[in-house]
Amino acid sequence: MIILVIWENSSYPFSIINLYQLSLFCNQIVFMQRQLLITVSLILIFLFGLTPLSYCEAQDTINKKDARIIKRKARDKYLYMGLGFSHINVTDNTTSPLMYKGYQFPYTSIGYLNHSKKKIQTLEADFSFGFLNSRTETPWYDPQNTSYYTNIRYNILYYLRSFAKKRINWYIGPEFNINGHFRVNYKYGNSAFTFDNYNGVGFATRFELPFSWKSRKYRFLGKDRNRRNRELRLSWQLSTPVVSFIIRPTYVTITNFIDPDLQTKITSEHISGGLFVPFNLRSQTELYYVLHNQNMFKLSYVWNFFSHDPGYNKVQSAFHGLYFAFIFKFNNKTSGE
C-alpha cells in the first residue's frame, strides 16, 4: 500500500528511486533480524550448553571432595585397655650396686589407635606397680622396695613399602615418649626415694603381617555350613629416642637429708642428655584377633631397655611386660586407603 501511494503521488523517476531505497531498507531489516536471531541462538546455546557442563564439573569436584573425606574417615579408630603383669631388673648405683628385680602386678595399658594401610597413629600409656628385692635381702625382715613404672608414647608411622610377596607392610615415622621409674627403698630412711625420668624424640619402625586362619566346614541339621575365617594381624615395632634428656638425683636423692624440711629444687646438675643419651630401646610384639563386629583382642609383649652412665651413679634397667587387651572400634567405616 505504501508503494502504491508513493507511486501515485510521485513522478516516475522519483518513484523508482524511492522504491529502490525502500527495498534496500527492507534488506537491511531482514539482515539485522538474521543477525539478531543468530546472536540470540548463540546466547541460548552458550547458556544451556555450558550449564550441564558446569554442573557436571561441579558435581565431579564434589564427588572428589567426598571421596577424600571418605578416605580420611576410612581409617579404623580404636580405643583399648589391657591388663597383665611385668618383670623389672634394675641396678642403680645411686643407692646400691646390687641388682633389684621382681614381678609386678597390675600392669595396665590404655591407648588410642588410628589404623589404615597408609598411616598408623598410636597414643599409649602404660603403668606398672610392684616390689623389688635383691638376693641379699630377707623378705620377712627387710622392708619392701616399691617400684612404680610409667610410660607414655605417641607416634605416627607412614607406609613405606611391602615385601615378602606383599604380605608384610613396613612403616616408619617419628615417636615422642615420656618414661618414669620411681623407686622407694624404706631401709634408706630419709634417702629412700630415687627415680629416673627420661624423655625423648626419636623414630619408630613397624612391620605388620595380616593373615587369615581358614575355618573348617561343619554339619548342622543335615546341612554343611561354613565358619567365618579367622582374621589376624601380627606386628612388631622397634623404637628408640634420638634426642633425649633425663632428670634424676645426683647423689642419693634431691631431698636434703641433712635438713629433711628443706627441699632442693631441680637444677642443671640433675639434668643431662643429648644424642642417644640416655640410651633407651623399646620392642613391642602384638597379635591381633579381629572379631566379626570389627572389634579386636590383642596379646602384647613389651621389652624396654634403659641405660645411663654419666661416669658416676650408673643406672640401667630391663622391663618385660605381657598383657591382654580388648580393642573397641568406635567408627563404622572400614579402612579403604
Protein backbone atom coordinates (compact mmCIF):
# COMPACT_ATOMS: atom_id res chain seq x y z
CA MET A 1 0.00 0.00 0.00
CA ILE A 2 2.81 2.42 0.80
CA ILE A 3 4.46 1.64 -2.51
CA LEU A 4 1.22 2.38 -4.39
CA VAL A 5 0.74 5.69 -2.61
CA ILE A 6 4.23 6.75 -3.43
CA TRP A 7 3.77 5.57 -6.98
CA GLU A 8 0.55 7.58 -7.44
CA ASN A 9 1.72 10.79 -5.80
CA SER A 10 5.17 10.93 -7.38
CA SER A 11 6.65 11.18 -10.80
CA TYR A 12 8.12 8.06 -12.41
CA PRO A 13 11.83 8.71 -11.78
CA PHE A 14 11.25 9.70 -8.19
CA SER A 15 9.09 6.66 -7.55
CA ILE A 16 11.68 4.31 -8.95
CA ILE A 17 14.35 5.80 -6.68
CA ASN A 18 12.14 5.59 -3.61
CA LEU A 19 11.24 2.00 -4.42
CA TYR A 20 14.90 1.11 -4.72
CA GLN A 21 15.72 2.78 -1.39
CA LEU A 22 12.80 1.04 0.26
CA SER A 23 14.00 -2.33 -0.99
CA LEU A 24 17.47 -1.63 0.41
CA PHE A 25 15.92 -0.65 3.74
CA CYS A 26 13.89 -3.88 3.85
CA ASN A 27 17.00 -5.91 3.07
CA GLN A 28 18.84 -4.24 5.95
CA ILE A 29 15.95 -5.04 8.31
CA VAL A 30 15.99 -8.70 7.20
CA PHE A 31 19.79 -8.82 7.67
CA MET A 32 19.51 -7.28 11.14
CA GLN A 33 16.78 -9.78 12.04
CA ARG A 34 19.03 -12.64 10.95
CA GLN A 35 21.94 -11.25 12.98
CA LEU A 36 19.70 -10.82 16.00
CA LEU A 37 18.39 -14.37 15.59
CA ILE A 38 21.94 -15.75 15.29
CA THR A 39 23.07 -13.76 18.36
CA VAL A 40 20.13 -14.95 20.47
CA SER A 41 20.73 -18.52 19.31
CA LEU A 42 24.39 -18.34 20.27
CA ILE A 43 23.50 -16.89 23.68
CA LEU A 44 20.97 -19.68 24.30
CA ILE A 45 23.42 -22.33 23.16
CA PHE A 46 26.10 -20.81 25.40
CA LEU A 47 23.83 -20.70 28.44
CA PHE A 48 22.06 -24.02 28.08
CA GLY A 49 25.10 -25.76 26.64
CA LEU A 50 27.58 -24.77 29.35
CA THR A 51 25.16 -25.18 32.24
CA PRO A 52 25.15 -29.02 32.09
CA LEU A 53 28.93 -28.99 31.58
CA SER A 54 29.42 -26.69 34.58
CA TYR A 55 27.06 -28.83 36.61
CA CYS A 56 28.98 -31.97 35.69
CA GLU A 57 32.29 -30.33 36.55
CA ALA A 58 30.91 -29.09 39.88
CA GLN A 59 29.43 -32.49 40.64
CA ASP A 60 32.73 -34.16 39.80
CA THR A 61 34.55 -31.76 42.16
CA ILE A 62 32.04 -32.51 44.93
CA ASN A 63 32.44 -36.24 44.34
CA LYS A 64 36.22 -35.94 44.59
CA LYS A 65 35.93 -33.99 47.83
CA ASP A 66 33.51 -36.56 49.21
CA ALA A 67 35.90 -39.33 48.19
CA ARG A 68 38.75 -37.61 50.03
CA ILE A 69 36.56 -37.18 53.10
CA ILE A 70 35.52 -40.83 52.92
CA LYS A 71 39.17 -41.86 52.67
CA ARG A 72 40.04 -39.74 55.68
CA LYS A 73 37.15 -41.25 57.59
CA ALA A 74 38.08 -44.72 56.37
CA ARG A 75 40.85 -45.09 58.90
CA ASP A 76 39.85 -47.53 61.62
CA LYS A 77 39.77 -45.83 65.03
CA TYR A 78 40.09 -47.83 68.24
CA LEU A 79 40.26 -47.45 71.99
CA TYR A 80 41.76 -50.24 74.05
CA MET A 81 42.61 -51.24 77.59
CA GLY A 82 44.82 -54.12 78.63
CA LEU A 83 45.77 -55.87 81.84
CA GLY A 84 48.71 -58.14 82.58
CA PHE A 85 51.91 -58.47 84.60
CA SER A 86 55.51 -57.34 84.23
CA HIS A 87 59.03 -58.05 85.48
CA ILE A 88 61.78 -55.48 86.11
CA ASN A 89 65.55 -55.76 86.67
CA VAL A 90 67.26 -52.56 87.81
CA THR A 91 70.70 -51.58 89.05
CA ASP A 92 71.07 -48.07 90.48
CA ASN A 93 74.48 -47.16 91.88
CA THR A 94 72.95 -44.09 93.49
CA THR A 95 71.63 -46.28 96.30
CA SER A 96 73.24 -49.71 95.88
CA PRO A 97 75.43 -51.72 93.46
CA LEU A 98 73.05 -54.66 93.88
CA MET A 99 70.53 -55.69 91.26
CA TYR A 100 66.90 -55.41 92.30
CA LYS A 101 64.25 -57.35 90.45
CA GLY A 102 60.74 -58.62 90.84
CA TYR A 103 57.36 -59.27 89.26
CA GLN A 104 54.79 -56.52 89.19
CA PHE A 105 51.01 -56.63 89.11
CA PRO A 106 48.96 -54.98 87.82
CA TYR A 107 50.47 -53.92 84.53
CA THR A 108 47.87 -51.83 82.71
CA SER A 109 47.89 -50.27 79.26
CA ILE A 110 45.35 -47.89 77.73
CA GLY A 111 45.56 -46.33 74.31
CA TYR A 112 44.14 -44.91 71.11
CA LEU A 113 44.84 -46.44 67.69
CA ASN A 114 44.13 -44.88 64.29
CA HIS A 115 44.92 -47.52 61.69
CA SER A 116 44.92 -47.70 57.90
CA LYS A 117 47.22 -49.18 55.32
CA LYS A 118 48.91 -45.83 54.67
CA LYS A 119 49.24 -44.49 58.21
CA ILE A 120 49.21 -45.75 61.82
CA GLN A 121 48.77 -43.31 64.70
CA THR A 122 49.16 -44.52 68.29
CA LEU A 123 48.86 -42.90 71.70
CA GLU A 124 49.57 -45.30 74.55
CA ALA A 125 50.09 -45.06 78.31
CA ASP A 126 51.42 -47.91 80.49
CA PHE A 127 51.58 -48.23 84.27
CA SER A 128 53.09 -50.96 86.39
CA PHE A 129 53.32 -51.39 90.16
CA GLY A 130 55.17 -53.94 92.26
CA PHE A 131 58.02 -54.75 94.63
CA LEU A 132 61.72 -55.32 94.02
CA ASN A 133 64.20 -57.39 96.00
CA SER A 134 67.88 -58.26 95.84
CA ARG A 135 69.45 -61.64 96.52
CA THR A 136 70.94 -60.48 99.81
CA GLU A 137 67.66 -59.37 101.35
CA THR A 138 65.34 -61.35 103.55
CA PRO A 139 61.74 -60.51 102.56
CA TRP A 140 60.39 -61.25 106.09
CA TYR A 141 62.85 -58.81 107.69
CA ASP A 142 63.96 -56.13 105.23
CA PRO A 143 61.39 -53.53 104.13
CA GLN A 144 59.97 -53.72 100.62
CA ASN A 145 61.50 -51.80 97.71
CA THR A 146 58.46 -50.35 95.98
CA SER A 147 58.53 -49.78 92.21
CA TYR A 148 56.30 -47.56 90.04
CA TYR A 149 56.87 -47.67 86.28
CA THR A 150 55.16 -45.38 83.76
CA ASN A 151 55.49 -44.93 80.01
CA ILE A 152 53.64 -42.60 77.61
CA ARG A 153 54.38 -42.66 73.91
CA TYR A 154 52.92 -41.11 70.78
CA ASN A 155 53.93 -42.00 67.23
CA ILE A 156 52.77 -41.51 63.65
CA LEU A 157 54.02 -44.18 61.26
CA TYR A 158 53.76 -43.95 57.48
CA TYR A 159 53.62 -46.79 54.99
CA LEU A 160 56.98 -47.28 53.29
CA ARG A 161 56.74 -50.46 51.23
CA SER A 162 55.65 -54.11 51.19
CA PHE A 163 57.81 -57.17 50.79
CA ALA A 164 57.67 -60.97 51.12
CA LYS A 165 55.22 -61.14 48.20
CA LYS A 166 53.44 -58.03 49.54
CA ARG A 167 52.39 -59.86 52.66
CA ILE A 168 54.38 -57.75 55.14
CA ASN A 169 53.83 -53.97 55.37
CA TRP A 170 56.66 -51.75 56.56
CA TYR A 171 56.04 -48.45 58.37
CA ILE A 172 58.38 -45.79 59.73
CA GLY A 173 57.87 -42.46 61.45
CA PRO A 174 58.58 -40.20 64.44
CA GLU A 175 57.88 -41.01 68.09
CA PHE A 176 57.73 -38.96 71.27
CA ASN A 177 57.94 -40.72 74.64
CA ILE A 178 57.91 -39.96 78.36
CA ASN A 179 59.30 -42.57 80.76
CA GLY A 180 59.49 -42.70 84.52
CA HIS A 181 60.67 -45.30 87.02
CA PHE A 182 60.18 -44.33 90.65
CA ARG A 183 61.55 -46.46 93.49
CA VAL A 184 61.21 -46.25 97.26
CA ASN A 185 63.52 -48.30 99.47
CA TYR A 186 62.48 -47.62 103.06
CA LYS A 187 65.63 -49.02 104.65
CA TYR A 188 67.48 -45.87 103.50
CA GLY A 189 65.33 -43.70 105.75
CA ASN A 190 65.04 -40.11 104.56
CA SER A 191 67.01 -41.01 101.42
CA ALA A 192 64.57 -43.73 100.42
CA PHE A 193 63.22 -42.11 97.25
CA THR A 194 65.01 -42.23 93.90
CA PHE A 195 63.81 -42.03 90.32
CA ASP A 196 64.68 -41.89 86.64
CA ASN A 197 62.62 -39.59 84.41
CA TYR A 198 63.79 -39.77 80.81
CA ASN A 199 62.06 -38.27 77.77
CA GLY A 200 62.94 -38.15 74.12
CA VAL A 201 62.05 -37.66 70.48
CA GLY A 202 63.13 -40.31 68.02
CA PHE A 203 61.83 -42.70 65.42
CA ALA A 204 59.97 -45.99 65.29
CA THR A 205 59.62 -48.70 62.68
CA ARG A 206 56.85 -51.27 62.45
CA PHE A 207 56.26 -54.46 60.47
CA GLU A 208 52.75 -55.88 60.04
CA LEU A 209 51.69 -59.25 58.71
CA PRO A 210 47.92 -59.63 58.16
CA PHE A 211 46.87 -63.24 57.67
CA SER A 212 43.80 -65.47 57.81
CA TRP A 213 43.13 -68.74 59.53
CA LYS A 214 40.74 -70.73 57.39
CA SER A 215 37.98 -72.48 59.31
CA ARG A 216 36.63 -75.92 58.52
CA LYS A 217 33.08 -76.63 57.48
CA TYR A 218 30.67 -78.19 59.96
CA ARG A 219 27.39 -80.01 59.56
CA PHE A 220 24.28 -78.80 61.37
CA LEU A 221 20.69 -80.05 60.87
CA GLY A 222 21.79 -82.08 57.89
CA LYS A 223 23.41 -79.12 56.08
CA ASP A 224 27.04 -78.16 55.56
CA ARG A 225 27.80 -74.75 56.99
CA ASN A 226 30.89 -72.57 56.74
CA ARG A 227 32.50 -70.92 59.71
CA ARG A 228 33.86 -67.42 59.35
CA ASN A 229 37.58 -67.31 58.58
CA ARG A 230 39.70 -66.02 61.44
CA GLU A 231 41.35 -62.69 60.59
CA LEU A 232 44.60 -62.00 62.46
CA ARG A 233 47.44 -59.48 62.33
CA LEU A 234 50.95 -59.89 63.70
CA SER A 235 53.06 -56.78 64.24
CA TRP A 236 56.48 -55.92 65.62
CA GLN A 237 57.57 -52.38 66.44
CA LEU A 238 61.00 -51.11 67.42
CA SER A 239 61.60 -47.57 68.66
CA THR A 240 64.39 -45.51 70.18
CA PRO A 241 64.77 -41.83 71.13
CA VAL A 242 67.41 -39.90 69.22
CA VAL A 243 67.39 -36.65 71.23
CA SER A 244 66.73 -37.22 74.93
CA PHE A 245 67.15 -35.74 78.37
CA ILE A 246 66.99 -37.29 81.83
CA ILE A 247 66.17 -35.98 85.29
CA ARG A 248 67.48 -37.97 88.23
CA PRO A 249 69.18 -37.38 91.61
CA THR A 250 72.89 -36.62 91.58
CA TYR A 251 73.55 -38.34 94.89
CA VAL A 252 71.12 -40.43 96.87
CA THR A 253 68.21 -38.03 96.47
CA ILE A 254 67.34 -34.44 95.63
CA THR A 255 65.84 -34.21 99.11
CA ASN A 256 68.21 -32.56 101.55
CA PHE A 257 68.82 -35.40 104.01
CA ILE A 258 70.66 -33.09 106.43
CA ASP A 259 67.55 -30.96 106.80
CA PRO A 260 64.51 -33.08 105.72
CA ASP A 261 62.28 -30.00 105.77
CA LEU A 262 64.40 -28.30 103.11
CA GLN A 263 63.65 -29.44 99.55
CA THR A 264 66.24 -28.56 96.95
CA LYS A 265 64.99 -27.60 93.53
CA ILE A 266 65.83 -29.45 90.35
CA THR A 267 68.89 -27.75 88.88
CA SER A 268 71.14 -28.28 85.89
CA GLU A 269 73.09 -30.83 87.95
CA HIS A 270 70.07 -33.11 87.90
CA ILE A 271 69.50 -32.84 84.14
CA SER A 272 71.61 -34.31 81.36
CA GLY A 273 71.02 -35.56 77.86
CA GLY A 274 71.99 -35.43 74.20
CA LEU A 275 72.05 -37.72 71.21
CA PHE A 276 71.11 -41.22 72.41
CA VAL A 277 71.82 -40.07 75.96
CA PRO A 278 70.35 -41.78 77.85
CA PHE A 279 70.06 -44.88 75.73
CA ASN A 280 66.56 -46.33 75.52
CA LEU A 281 65.38 -49.14 73.25
CA ARG A 282 61.82 -50.48 73.16
CA SER A 283 60.45 -53.54 71.36
CA GLN A 284 56.77 -54.46 71.19
CA THR A 285 55.27 -57.58 69.60
CA GLU A 286 51.49 -57.76 69.15
CA LEU A 287 49.00 -60.33 67.90
CA TYR A 288 45.54 -59.05 66.91
CA TYR A 289 42.45 -61.19 66.55
CA VAL A 290 39.65 -59.47 64.58
CA LEU A 291 36.09 -60.20 65.68
CA HIS A 292 33.06 -60.27 63.37
CA ASN A 293 32.00 -56.78 64.58
CA GLN A 294 35.49 -55.37 63.80
CA ASN A 295 36.46 -55.17 67.47
CA MET A 296 39.65 -56.99 68.35
CA PHE A 297 41.56 -58.85 71.02
CA LYS A 298 45.27 -58.14 71.43
CA LEU A 299 48.09 -60.04 73.10
CA SER A 300 51.14 -57.82 73.56
CA TYR A 301 54.69 -58.41 74.80
CA VAL A 302 56.82 -55.33 75.63
CA TRP A 303 60.56 -55.22 76.24
CA ASN A 304 62.28 -51.96 77.18
CA PHE A 305 65.97 -51.47 77.97
CA PHE A 306 67.29 -48.27 79.55
CA SER A 307 70.86 -47.29 80.45
CA HIS A 308 72.54 -44.09 81.63
CA ASP A 309 76.17 -43.80 82.72
CA PRO A 310 77.42 -40.23 83.29
CA GLY A 311 80.63 -41.60 84.89
CA TYR A 312 79.07 -41.95 88.33
CA ASN A 313 75.75 -43.23 89.69
CA LYS A 314 75.19 -45.53 86.72
CA VAL A 315 71.65 -46.82 86.31
CA GLN A 316 70.20 -49.37 83.93
CA SER A 317 67.03 -51.42 83.82
CA ALA A 318 65.24 -54.01 81.72
CA PHE A 319 61.44 -54.15 81.61
CA HIS A 320 59.38 -57.13 80.43
CA GLY A 321 55.61 -56.83 80.18
CA LEU A 322 52.82 -59.09 78.95
CA TYR A 323 49.19 -58.02 78.75
CA PHE A 324 45.90 -58.95 77.12
CA ALA A 325 43.68 -56.15 75.78
CA PHE A 326 40.20 -55.66 74.38
CA ILE A 327 40.13 -53.19 71.47
CA PHE A 328 36.88 -51.35 70.78
CA LYS A 329 36.26 -49.83 67.35
CA PHE A 330 34.25 -46.62 67.65
CA ASN A 331 33.79 -45.68 63.98
CA ASN A 332 31.78 -47.67 61.44
CA LYS A 333 33.98 -47.02 58.43
CA THR A 334 36.38 -49.66 57.17
CA SER A 335 39.86 -48.75 56.07
CA GLY A 336 39.86 -48.29 52.34
CA GLU A 337 43.08 -46.43 51.78
